[in-house]
């Protein structure tokens, strides 16, 4: 997530990313310019630095800061689908089918809803309930600078923006090939476009909202992202991820990005003023 970054010293650039925002594509891009052991699949995670070290290099050494961003609506829907509904086409029916961090959120939901015993072993949290539980989880953290699980944490740490963290350049997942290609040209980095690791969804989705359907039943439906977008879910997502919307310039509804000639209204520094200081 945007709380830590990989400092690429040869290019004098700090890269920030978030789970469920094409981070695998970013790592592939970096691996073309960084020697990464084939056995170390978490290289860029384990070699990342906390924000204060990243900010020090950005301020003191004038390193360029880059963040990879995704529309908050599709990102959180993708997280819910992959972690609570189905994983690689395998339905997630029970609590035991969930990853440990997803089990923790499931358990929090059950405690708040008063679900106990055998009923708590069924994966029953709907998308709306999931969003409400994420809000509870965030409110319960002991300190604002302590992130919750990265799959449903904000991409931008609002508390750190107040401490001076900034991004010179924003790469949007929705236009990733163009954005990465342009960045590679500016920094003199190699770039081979690759297919992104996308969530496989049915070619044709059924009509109607699925936001109130228990997670264990979602896999039995033909669904798309649109089935999880309602006024109620959009309002919750806008509240939860307000800092991401504001920083990355995304419209409230991702459908707006399909309009001809749509352009992102991003808020970031004038990165061109930094380029002359970067190595070629």
C-alpha atoms as a PDB file:
ATOM      1  CA  UNK A   1       0.000   0.000   0.000  1.00  0.00           C
ATOM      2  CA  UNK A   2       1.057   3.630  -0.193  1.00  0.00           C
ATOM      3  CA  UNK A   3       2.343   3.397   3.391  1.00  0.00           C
ATOM      4  CA  UNK A   4       5.681   1.868   2.304  1.00  0.00           C
ATOM      5  CA  UNK A   5       7.746   2.209  -0.847  1.00  0.00           C
ATOM      6  CA  UNK A   6      10.550   0.599  -2.801  1.00  0.00           C
ATOM      7  CA  UNK A   7      13.488   2.991  -3.156  1.00  0.00           C
ATOM      8  CA  UNK A   8      15.079   2.439  -6.561  1.00  0.00           C
ATOM      9  CA  UNK A   9      18.382   4.222  -6.020  1.00  0.00           C
ATOM     10  CA  UNK A  10      19.825   3.820  -9.549  1.00  0.00           C
ATOM     11  CA  UNK A  11      16.810   5.736 -10.940  1.00  0.00           C
ATOM     12  CA  UNK A  12      16.404   8.014  -7.915  1.00  0.00           C
ATOM     13  CA  UNK A  13      12.734   7.057  -7.687  1.00  0.00           C
ATOM     14  CA  UNK A  14      10.483   5.783  -4.890  1.00  0.00           C
ATOM     15  CA  UNK A  15       7.668   3.455  -5.966  1.00  0.00           C
ATOM     16  CA  UNK A  16       4.511   3.098  -3.858  1.00  0.00           C
ATOM     17  CA  UNK A  17       1.757   0.533  -4.448  1.00  0.00           C
ATOM     18  CA  UNK A  18      -1.306  -1.122  -2.908  1.00  0.00           C
ATOM     19  CA  UNK A  19      -2.761  -4.605  -2.860  1.00  0.00           C
ATOM     20  CA  UNK A  20      -5.490  -5.163  -5.466  1.00  0.00           C
ATOM     21  CA  UNK A  21      -4.024  -2.401  -7.645  1.00  0.00           C
ATOM     22  CA  UNK A  22      -1.898  -4.251 -10.221  1.00  0.00           C
ATOM     23  CA  UNK A  23       1.127  -4.397  -7.928  1.00  0.00           C
ATOM     24  CA  UNK A  24       2.247  -7.614  -9.686  1.00  0.00           C
ATOM     25  CA  UNK A  25       2.509  -5.640 -12.935  1.00  0.00           C
ATOM     26  CA  UNK A  26       4.556  -2.972 -11.172  1.00  0.00           C
ATOM     27  CA  UNK A  27       6.894  -5.596  -9.720  1.00  0.00           C
ATOM     28  CA  UNK A  28       7.338  -7.098 -13.190  1.00  0.00           C
ATOM     29  CA  UNK A  29       8.229  -3.655 -14.515  1.00  0.00           C
ATOM     30  CA  UNK A  30      10.778  -3.093 -11.744  1.00  0.00           C
ATOM     31  CA  UNK A  31      12.233  -6.588 -12.155  1.00  0.00           C
ATOM     32  CA  UNK A  32      13.350  -5.641 -15.665  1.00  0.00           C
ATOM     33  CA  UNK A  33      15.630  -3.025 -14.092  1.00  0.00           C
ATOM     34  CA  UNK A  34      16.475  -4.680 -10.759  1.00  0.00           C
ATOM     35  CA  UNK A  35      18.276  -7.974 -10.167  1.00  0.00           C
ATOM     36  CA  UNK A  36      15.691 -10.081  -8.332  1.00  0.00           C
ATOM     37  CA  UNK A  37      16.333 -13.682  -7.184  1.00  0.00           C
ATOM     38  CA  UNK A  38      13.864 -15.978  -8.947  1.00  0.00           C
ATOM     39  CA  UNK A  39      13.088 -17.744  -5.672  1.00  0.00           C
ATOM     40  CA  UNK A  40      12.159 -14.499  -3.895  1.00  0.00           C
ATOM     41  CA  UNK A  41       8.568 -13.755  -4.926  1.00  0.00           C
ATOM     42  CA  UNK A  42       8.210 -11.118  -2.203  1.00  0.00           C
ATOM     43  CA  UNK A  43      11.404  -9.234  -3.034  1.00  0.00           C
ATOM     44  CA  UNK A  44       9.822  -5.798  -3.412  1.00  0.00           C
ATOM     45  CA  UNK A  45       7.760  -6.291  -0.247  1.00  0.00           C
ATOM     46  CA  UNK A  46      10.717  -7.363   1.883  1.00  0.00           C
ATOM     47  CA  UNK A  47      12.990  -4.695   0.398  1.00  0.00           C
ATOM     48  CA  UNK A  48      10.502  -1.840   0.814  1.00  0.00           C
ATOM     49  CA  UNK A  49      11.021   0.982   3.301  1.00  0.00           C
ATOM     50  CA  UNK A  50       8.726   2.779   5.722  1.00  0.00           C
ATOM     51  CA  UNK A  51       7.332   6.139   4.672  1.00  0.00           C
ATOM     52  CA  UNK A  52       9.766   8.216   6.739  1.00  0.00           C
ATOM     53  CA  UNK A  53      12.798   6.772   4.935  1.00  0.00           C
ATOM     54  CA  UNK A  54      11.057   7.214   1.585  1.00  0.00           C
ATOM     55  CA  UNK A  55      10.182  10.799   2.456  1.00  0.00           C
ATOM     56  CA  UNK A  56      13.758  11.473   3.536  1.00  0.00           C
ATOM     57  CA  UNK A  57      15.075  10.411   0.124  1.00  0.00           C
ATOM     58  CA  UNK A  58      12.352  12.400  -1.631  1.00  0.00           C
ATOM     59  CA  UNK A  59      13.172  15.567   0.289  1.00  0.00           C
ATOM     60  CA  UNK A  60      16.915  15.341   0.840  1.00  0.00           C
ATOM     61  CA  UNK A  61      17.951  13.671  -2.411  1.00  0.00           C
ATOM     62  CA  UNK A  62      15.028  14.909  -4.528  1.00  0.00           C
ATOM     63  CA  UNK A  63      13.984  11.393  -5.500  1.00  0.00           C
ATOM     64  CA  UNK A  64      10.900  11.193  -7.698  1.00  0.00           C
ATOM     65  CA  UNK A  65       7.868   9.609  -5.983  1.00  0.00           C
ATOM     66  CA  UNK A  66       5.525   7.400  -8.003  1.00  0.00           C
ATOM     67  CA  UNK A  67       2.348   5.639  -6.873  1.00  0.00           C
ATOM     68  CA  UNK A  68       0.244   3.038  -8.649  1.00  0.00           C
ATOM     69  CA  UNK A  69      -3.480   3.747  -8.204  1.00  0.00           C
ATOM     70  CA  UNK A  70      -6.779   2.019  -8.961  1.00  0.00           C
ATOM     71  CA  UNK A  71     -10.370   3.241  -8.793  1.00  0.00           C
ATOM     72  CA  UNK A  72     -11.439   2.684  -5.148  1.00  0.00           C
ATOM     73  CA  UNK A  73     -14.761   1.102  -6.187  1.00  0.00           C
ATOM     74  CA  UNK A  74     -13.384  -1.625  -8.460  1.00  0.00           C
ATOM     75  CA  UNK A  75     -10.455  -2.198  -6.109  1.00  0.00           C
ATOM     76  CA  UNK A  76     -12.576  -2.932  -3.029  1.00  0.00           C
ATOM     77  CA  UNK A  77     -15.068  -5.006  -5.033  1.00  0.00           C
ATOM     78  CA  UNK A  78     -12.158  -7.060  -6.344  1.00  0.00           C
ATOM     79  CA  UNK A  79     -10.865  -7.539  -2.794  1.00  0.00           C
ATOM     80  CA  UNK A  80     -14.278  -8.749  -1.611  1.00  0.00           C
ATOM     81  CA  UNK A  81     -14.687 -11.145  -4.538  1.00  0.00           C
ATOM     82  CA  UNK A  82     -11.194 -12.652  -4.255  1.00  0.00           C
ATOM     83  CA  UNK A  83     -11.045 -12.916  -0.478  1.00  0.00           C
ATOM     84  CA  UNK A  84     -14.651 -13.778   0.401  1.00  0.00           C
ATOM     85  CA  UNK A  85     -16.516 -15.096  -2.651  1.00  0.00           C
ATOM     86  CA  UNK A  86     -14.251 -17.112  -4.908  1.00  0.00           C
ATOM     87  CA  UNK A  87     -10.534 -17.542  -5.397  1.00  0.00           C
ATOM     88  CA  UNK A  88      -9.301 -18.723  -8.806  1.00  0.00           C
ATOM     89  CA  UNK A  89     -12.826 -19.980  -9.588  1.00  0.00           C
ATOM     90  CA  UNK A  90     -13.014 -21.897  -6.281  1.00  0.00           C
ATOM     91  CA  UNK A  91     -16.094 -20.907  -4.220  1.00  0.00           C
ATOM     92  CA  UNK A  92     -15.445 -19.838  -0.629  1.00  0.00           C
ATOM     93  CA  UNK A  93     -18.350 -21.307   1.309  1.00  0.00           C
ATOM     94  CA  UNK A  94     -17.062 -21.491   4.880  1.00  0.00           C
ATOM     95  CA  UNK A  95     -14.876 -19.562   7.276  1.00  0.00           C
ATOM     96  CA  UNK A  96     -12.284 -22.324   6.925  1.00  0.00           C
ATOM     97  CA  UNK A  97     -11.981 -21.505   3.209  1.00  0.00           C
ATOM     98  CA  UNK A  98     -10.798 -17.962   3.940  1.00  0.00           C
ATOM     99  CA  UNK A  99      -7.244 -16.727   4.372  1.00  0.00           C
ATOM    100  CA  UNK A 100      -6.283 -15.880   7.977  1.00  0.00           C
ATOM    101  CA  UNK A 101      -6.625 -12.095   7.546  1.00  0.00           C
ATOM    102  CA  UNK A 102     -10.038 -12.561   5.914  1.00  0.00           C
ATOM    103  CA  UNK A 103     -11.065 -14.839   8.786  1.00  0.00           C
ATOM    104  CA  UNK A 104     -10.221 -12.015  11.193  1.00  0.00           C
ATOM    105  CA  UNK A 105     -12.586  -9.633   9.395  1.00  0.00           C
ATOM    106  CA  UNK A 106     -15.250 -12.367   9.219  1.00  0.00           C
ATOM    107  CA  UNK A 107     -14.908 -12.923  12.975  1.00  0.00           C
ATOM    108  CA  UNK A 108     -15.259  -9.197  13.639  1.00  0.00           C
ATOM    109  CA  UNK A 109     -18.447  -9.129  11.580  1.00  0.00           C
ATOM    110  CA  UNK A 110     -19.853 -12.112  13.473  1.00  0.00           C
ATOM    111  CA  UNK A 111     -19.072 -10.534  16.842  1.00  0.00           C
ATOM    112  CA  UNK A 112     -20.726  -7.266  15.843  1.00  0.00           C
ATOM    113  CA  UNK A 113     -23.758  -9.104  14.416  1.00  0.00           C
ATOM    114  CA  UNK A 114     -24.072 -11.493  17.372  1.00  0.00           C
ATOM    115  CA  UNK A 115     -23.504 -14.566  15.197  1.00  0.00           C
ATOM    116  CA  UNK A 116     -22.112 -17.465  17.228  1.00  0.00           C
ATOM    117  CA  UNK A 117     -21.617 -21.217  17.169  1.00  0.00           C
ATOM    118  CA  UNK A 118     -22.009 -23.191  13.960  1.00  0.00           C
ATOM    119  CA  UNK A 119     -23.567 -20.215  12.181  1.00  0.00           C
ATOM    120  CA  UNK A 120     -20.283 -18.334  12.527  1.00  0.00           C
ATOM    121  CA  UNK A 121     -18.520 -21.037  10.521  1.00  0.00           C
ATOM    122  CA  UNK A 122     -20.502 -20.143   7.384  1.00  0.00           C
ATOM    123  CA  UNK A 123     -19.151 -17.388   5.142  1.00  0.00           C
ATOM    124  CA  UNK A 124     -22.230 -15.166   5.331  1.00  0.00           C
ATOM    125  CA  UNK A 125     -20.940 -11.571   5.160  1.00  0.00           C
ATOM    126  CA  UNK A 126     -22.533  -9.639   2.278  1.00  0.00           C
ATOM    127  CA  UNK A 127     -20.736  -6.858   0.416  1.00  0.00           C
ATOM    128  CA  UNK A 128     -22.583  -4.105   2.297  1.00  0.00           C
ATOM    129  CA  UNK A 129     -21.819  -5.846   5.592  1.00  0.00           C
ATOM    130  CA  UNK A 130     -18.207  -6.197   4.482  1.00  0.00           C
ATOM    131  CA  UNK A 131     -17.914  -2.440   3.896  1.00  0.00           C
ATOM    132  CA  UNK A 132     -19.505  -1.687   7.266  1.00  0.00           C
ATOM    133  CA  UNK A 133     -17.115  -4.116   8.962  1.00  0.00           C
ATOM    134  CA  UNK A 134     -14.095  -2.511   7.296  1.00  0.00           C
ATOM    135  CA  UNK A 135     -15.295   0.806   8.736  1.00  0.00           C
ATOM    136  CA  UNK A 136     -15.540  -0.756  12.207  1.00  0.00           C
ATOM    137  CA  UNK A 137     -12.083  -2.301  11.829  1.00  0.00           C
ATOM    138  CA  UNK A 138     -10.579   1.035  10.854  1.00  0.00           C
ATOM    139  CA  UNK A 139     -12.266   2.888  13.724  1.00  0.00           C
ATOM    140  CA  UNK A 140     -10.999   0.294  16.213  1.00  0.00           C
ATOM    141  CA  UNK A 141      -7.296   0.572  15.408  1.00  0.00           C
ATOM    142  CA  UNK A 142      -5.340   1.988  18.356  1.00  0.00           C
ATOM    143  CA  UNK A 143      -3.413   4.607  16.356  1.00  0.00           C
ATOM    144  CA  UNK A 144      -4.263   6.309  13.026  1.00  0.00           C
ATOM    145  CA  UNK A 145      -0.797   5.563  11.616  1.00  0.00           C
ATOM    146  CA  UNK A 146      -1.304   1.817  12.076  1.00  0.00           C
ATOM    147  CA  UNK A 147      -2.738   0.391   8.834  1.00  0.00           C
ATOM    148  CA  UNK A 148      -5.389  -2.308   8.742  1.00  0.00           C
ATOM    149  CA  UNK A 149      -5.038  -5.158   6.237  1.00  0.00           C
ATOM    150  CA  UNK A 150      -3.697  -3.811   2.956  1.00  0.00           C
ATOM    151  CA  UNK A 151      -6.435  -5.340   0.804  1.00  0.00           C
ATOM    152  CA  UNK A 152      -9.039  -2.982   2.319  1.00  0.00           C
ATOM    153  CA  UNK A 153      -6.868  -0.180   3.627  1.00  0.00           C
ATOM    154  CA  UNK A 154      -6.812   3.119   1.746  1.00  0.00           C
ATOM    155  CA  UNK A 155      -4.232   3.389  -1.013  1.00  0.00           C
ATOM    156  CA  UNK A 156      -3.176   6.779   0.344  1.00  0.00           C
ATOM    157  CA  UNK A 157      -2.413   7.087   4.084  1.00  0.00           C
ATOM    158  CA  UNK A 158      -4.250  10.292   5.001  1.00  0.00           C
ATOM    159  CA  UNK A 159      -2.409  10.618   8.295  1.00  0.00           C
ATOM    160  CA  UNK A 160       0.913  10.588   6.435  1.00  0.00           C
ATOM    161  CA  UNK A 161      -0.182  13.227   3.932  1.00  0.00           C
ATOM    162  CA  UNK A 162      -0.479  15.494   6.928  1.00  0.00           C
ATOM    163  CA  UNK A 163       3.160  14.708   7.704  1.00  0.00           C
ATOM    164  CA  UNK A 164       4.373  15.752   4.296  1.00  0.00           C
ATOM    165  CA  UNK A 165       4.137  12.574   2.206  1.00  0.00           C
ATOM    166  CA  UNK A 166       3.422  13.353  -1.444  1.00  0.00           C
ATOM    167  CA  UNK A 167       3.406  11.737  -4.880  1.00  0.00           C
ATOM    168  CA  UNK A 168       5.031  13.364  -7.896  1.00  0.00           C
ATOM    169  CA  UNK A 169       3.450  11.046 -10.416  1.00  0.00           C
ATOM    170  CA  UNK A 170       0.371   8.817 -10.432  1.00  0.00           C
ATOM    171  CA  UNK A 171       0.114   5.692 -12.576  1.00  0.00           C
ATOM    172  CA  UNK A 172      -3.502   4.614 -13.082  1.00  0.00           C
ATOM    173  CA  UNK A 173      -4.286   0.913 -13.375  1.00  0.00           C
ATOM    174  CA  UNK A 174      -6.969   1.757 -15.921  1.00  0.00           C
ATOM    175  CA  UNK A 175      -4.332   3.194 -18.314  1.00  0.00           C
ATOM    176  CA  UNK A 176      -1.366   1.242 -16.994  1.00  0.00           C
ATOM    177  CA  UNK A 177       0.360   0.310 -20.254  1.00  0.00           C
ATOM    178  CA  UNK A 178       0.411   3.924 -21.423  1.00  0.00           C
ATOM    179  CA  UNK A 179       1.395   5.269 -18.004  1.00  0.00           C
ATOM    180  CA  UNK A 180       4.189   2.742 -17.432  1.00  0.00           C
ATOM    181  CA  UNK A 181       5.434   3.205 -20.973  1.00  0.00           C
ATOM    182  CA  UNK A 182       5.662   6.970 -20.503  1.00  0.00           C
ATOM    183  CA  UNK A 183       7.394   6.591 -17.136  1.00  0.00           C
ATOM    184  CA  UNK A 184       9.890   4.116 -18.598  1.00  0.00           C
ATOM    185  CA  UNK A 185      10.770   6.558 -21.363  1.00  0.00           C
ATOM    186  CA  UNK A 186      11.218   9.425 -18.912  1.00  0.00           C
ATOM    187  CA  UNK A 187      13.426   7.410 -16.545  1.00  0.00           C
ATOM    188  CA  UNK A 188      15.298   5.452 -19.203  1.00  0.00           C
ATOM    189  CA  UNK A 189      13.987   2.125 -17.871  1.00  0.00           C
ATOM    190  CA  UNK A 190      13.203  -0.971 -19.940  1.00  0.00           C
ATOM    191  CA  UNK A 191       9.531  -1.877 -20.275  1.00  0.00           C
ATOM    192  CA  UNK A 192       7.838  -4.917 -21.777  1.00  0.00           C
ATOM    193  CA  UNK A 193       4.007  -4.630 -21.676  1.00  0.00           C
ATOM    194  CA  UNK A 194       2.417  -7.659 -20.006  1.00  0.00           C
ATOM    195  CA  UNK A 195      -1.085  -8.930 -19.415  1.00  0.00           C
ATOM    196  CA  UNK A 196      -2.306  -7.814 -15.996  1.00  0.00           C
ATOM    197  CA  UNK A 197      -3.362 -10.375 -13.388  1.00  0.00           C
ATOM    198  CA  UNK A 198      -7.108  -9.735 -13.558  1.00  0.00           C
ATOM    199  CA  UNK A 199     -10.001 -11.288 -11.658  1.00  0.00           C
ATOM    200  CA  UNK A 200     -11.789 -13.695 -13.997  1.00  0.00           C
ATOM    201  CA  UNK A 201     -15.485 -12.792 -14.186  1.00  0.00           C
ATOM    202  CA  UNK A 202     -18.298 -14.239 -16.337  1.00  0.00           C
ATOM    203  CA  UNK A 203     -18.545 -12.825 -19.861  1.00  0.00           C
ATOM    204  CA  UNK A 204     -22.215 -11.911 -19.317  1.00  0.00           C
ATOM    205  CA  UNK A 205     -23.537 -10.907 -15.902  1.00  0.00           C
ATOM    206  CA  UNK A 206     -27.063 -11.252 -14.573  1.00  0.00           C
ATOM    207  CA  UNK A 207     -29.217  -8.249 -13.800  1.00  0.00           C
ATOM    208  CA  UNK A 208     -29.769  -6.959 -10.294  1.00  0.00           C
ATOM    209  CA  UNK A 209     -27.683  -6.046  -7.281  1.00  0.00           C
ATOM    210  CA  UNK A 210     -25.858  -8.642  -5.187  1.00  0.00           C
ATOM    211  CA  UNK A 211     -24.761  -6.330  -2.380  1.00  0.00           C
ATOM    212  CA  UNK A 212     -27.032  -8.013   0.192  1.00  0.00           C
ATOM    213  CA  UNK A 213     -26.286 -11.605  -0.869  1.00  0.00           C
ATOM    214  CA  UNK A 214     -24.143 -13.682   1.544  1.00  0.00           C
ATOM    215  CA  UNK A 215     -20.593 -14.195   0.298  1.00  0.00           C
ATOM    216  CA  UNK A 216     -20.986 -17.978   0.264  1.00  0.00           C
ATOM    217  CA  UNK A 217     -23.736 -17.665  -2.378  1.00  0.00           C
ATOM    218  CA  UNK A 218     -22.051 -15.194  -4.739  1.00  0.00           C
ATOM    219  CA  UNK A 219     -20.160 -17.830  -6.726  1.00  0.00           C
ATOM    220  CA  UNK A 220     -23.461 -19.401  -7.802  1.00  0.00           C
ATOM    221  CA  UNK A 221     -24.365 -16.184  -9.656  1.00  0.00           C
ATOM    222  CA  UNK A 222     -23.110 -14.810 -12.966  1.00  0.00           C
ATOM    223  CA  UNK A 223     -21.794 -11.482 -11.741  1.00  0.00           C
ATOM    224  CA  UNK A 224     -19.658  -8.513 -12.698  1.00  0.00           C
ATOM    225  CA  UNK A 225     -18.443  -5.464 -10.815  1.00  0.00           C
ATOM    226  CA  UNK A 226     -21.703  -3.723 -11.712  1.00  0.00           C
ATOM    227  CA  UNK A 227     -23.684  -6.126  -9.511  1.00  0.00           C
ATOM    228  CA  UNK A 228     -21.938  -4.634  -6.479  1.00  0.00           C
ATOM    229  CA  UNK A 229     -22.407  -0.978  -7.424  1.00  0.00           C
ATOM    230  CA  UNK A 230     -25.498   0.614  -5.881  1.00  0.00           C
ATOM    231  CA  UNK A 231     -26.179   3.982  -4.318  1.00  0.00           C
ATOM    232  CA  UNK A 232     -25.723   2.433  -0.870  1.00  0.00           C
ATOM    233  CA  UNK A 233     -22.403   0.787  -1.696  1.00  0.00           C
ATOM    234  CA  UNK A 234     -21.060   3.860  -3.512  1.00  0.00           C
ATOM    235  CA  UNK A 235     -21.868   6.075  -0.524  1.00  0.00           C
ATOM    236  CA  UNK A 236     -19.996   3.744   1.807  1.00  0.00           C
ATOM    237  CA  UNK A 237     -16.996   3.442  -0.506  1.00  0.00           C
ATOM    238  CA  UNK A 238     -16.805   7.215  -0.997  1.00  0.00           C
ATOM    239  CA  UNK A 239     -16.746   7.665   2.770  1.00  0.00           C
ATOM    240  CA  UNK A 240     -14.198   4.912   3.409  1.00  0.00           C
ATOM    241  CA  UNK A 241     -11.837   5.912   0.603  1.00  0.00           C
ATOM    242  CA  UNK A 242     -12.362   9.675   0.372  1.00  0.00           C
ATOM    243  CA  UNK A 243      -8.616  10.328   0.486  1.00  0.00           C
ATOM    244  CA  UNK A 244      -8.056   8.043  -2.514  1.00  0.00           C
ATOM    245  CA  UNK A 245     -10.768   9.742  -4.568  1.00  0.00           C
ATOM    246  CA  UNK A 246      -9.330  13.164  -3.730  1.00  0.00           C
ATOM    247  CA  UNK A 247      -5.699  12.264  -4.399  1.00  0.00           C
ATOM    248  CA  UNK A 248      -6.131  10.247  -7.585  1.00  0.00           C
ATOM    249  CA  UNK A 249      -8.923  12.260  -9.198  1.00  0.00           C
ATOM    250  CA  UNK A 250     -11.313   9.370  -9.755  1.00  0.00           C
ATOM    251  CA  UNK A 251     -15.046   9.971 -10.393  1.00  0.00           C
ATOM    252  CA  UNK A 252     -17.484   8.535  -7.841  1.00  0.00           C
ATOM    253  CA  UNK A 253     -18.804   5.913 -10.280  1.00  0.00           C
ATOM    254  CA  UNK A 254     -16.215   4.015 -12.362  1.00  0.00           C
ATOM    255  CA  UNK A 255     -18.687   3.973 -15.276  1.00  0.00           C
ATOM    256  CA  UNK A 256     -17.803   7.630 -15.883  1.00  0.00           C
ATOM    257  CA  UNK A 257     -14.328   6.572 -17.016  1.00  0.00           C
ATOM    258  CA  UNK A 258     -15.842   4.832 -20.044  1.00  0.00           C
ATOM    259  CA  UNK A 259     -16.933   8.148 -21.564  1.00  0.00           C
ATOM    260  CA  UNK A 260     -15.098   9.060 -24.804  1.00  0.00           C
ATOM    261  CA  UNK A 261     -12.121  11.302 -24.161  1.00  0.00           C
ATOM    262  CA  UNK A 262     -12.214  10.852 -20.376  1.00  0.00           C
ATOM    263  CA  UNK A 263      -9.097  12.152 -18.627  1.00  0.00           C
ATOM    264  CA  UNK A 264      -8.031  11.795 -15.009  1.00  0.00           C
ATOM    265  CA  UNK A 265      -7.979  14.893 -12.830  1.00  0.00           C
ATOM    266  CA  UNK A 266      -5.041  14.009 -10.632  1.00  0.00           C
ATOM    267  CA  UNK A 267      -3.576  16.098  -7.867  1.00  0.00           C
ATOM    268  CA  UNK A 268       0.185  15.754  -7.702  1.00  0.00           C
ATOM    269  CA  UNK A 269       3.327  17.812  -7.878  1.00  0.00           C
ATOM    270  CA  UNK A 270       4.936  19.083 -11.040  1.00  0.00           C
ATOM    271  CA  UNK A 271       7.109  16.016 -11.622  1.00  0.00           C
ATOM    272  CA  UNK A 272       8.722  17.525 -14.737  1.00  0.00           C
ATOM    273  CA  UNK A 273      10.714  19.845 -12.475  1.00  0.00           C
ATOM    274  CA  UNK A 274      12.331  16.758 -10.925  1.00  0.00           C
ATOM    275  CA  UNK A 275      13.278  14.964 -14.154  1.00  0.00           C
ATOM    276  CA  UNK A 276      16.499  16.912 -14.885  1.00  0.00           C
ATOM    277  CA  UNK A 277      17.963  15.526 -11.657  1.00  0.00           C
ATOM    278  CA  UNK A 278      17.289  11.892 -12.583  1.00  0.00           C
ATOM    279  CA  UNK A 279      19.965   9.627 -14.118  1.00  0.00           C
ATOM    280  CA  UNK A 280      19.622   8.570 -17.737  1.00  0.00           C
END
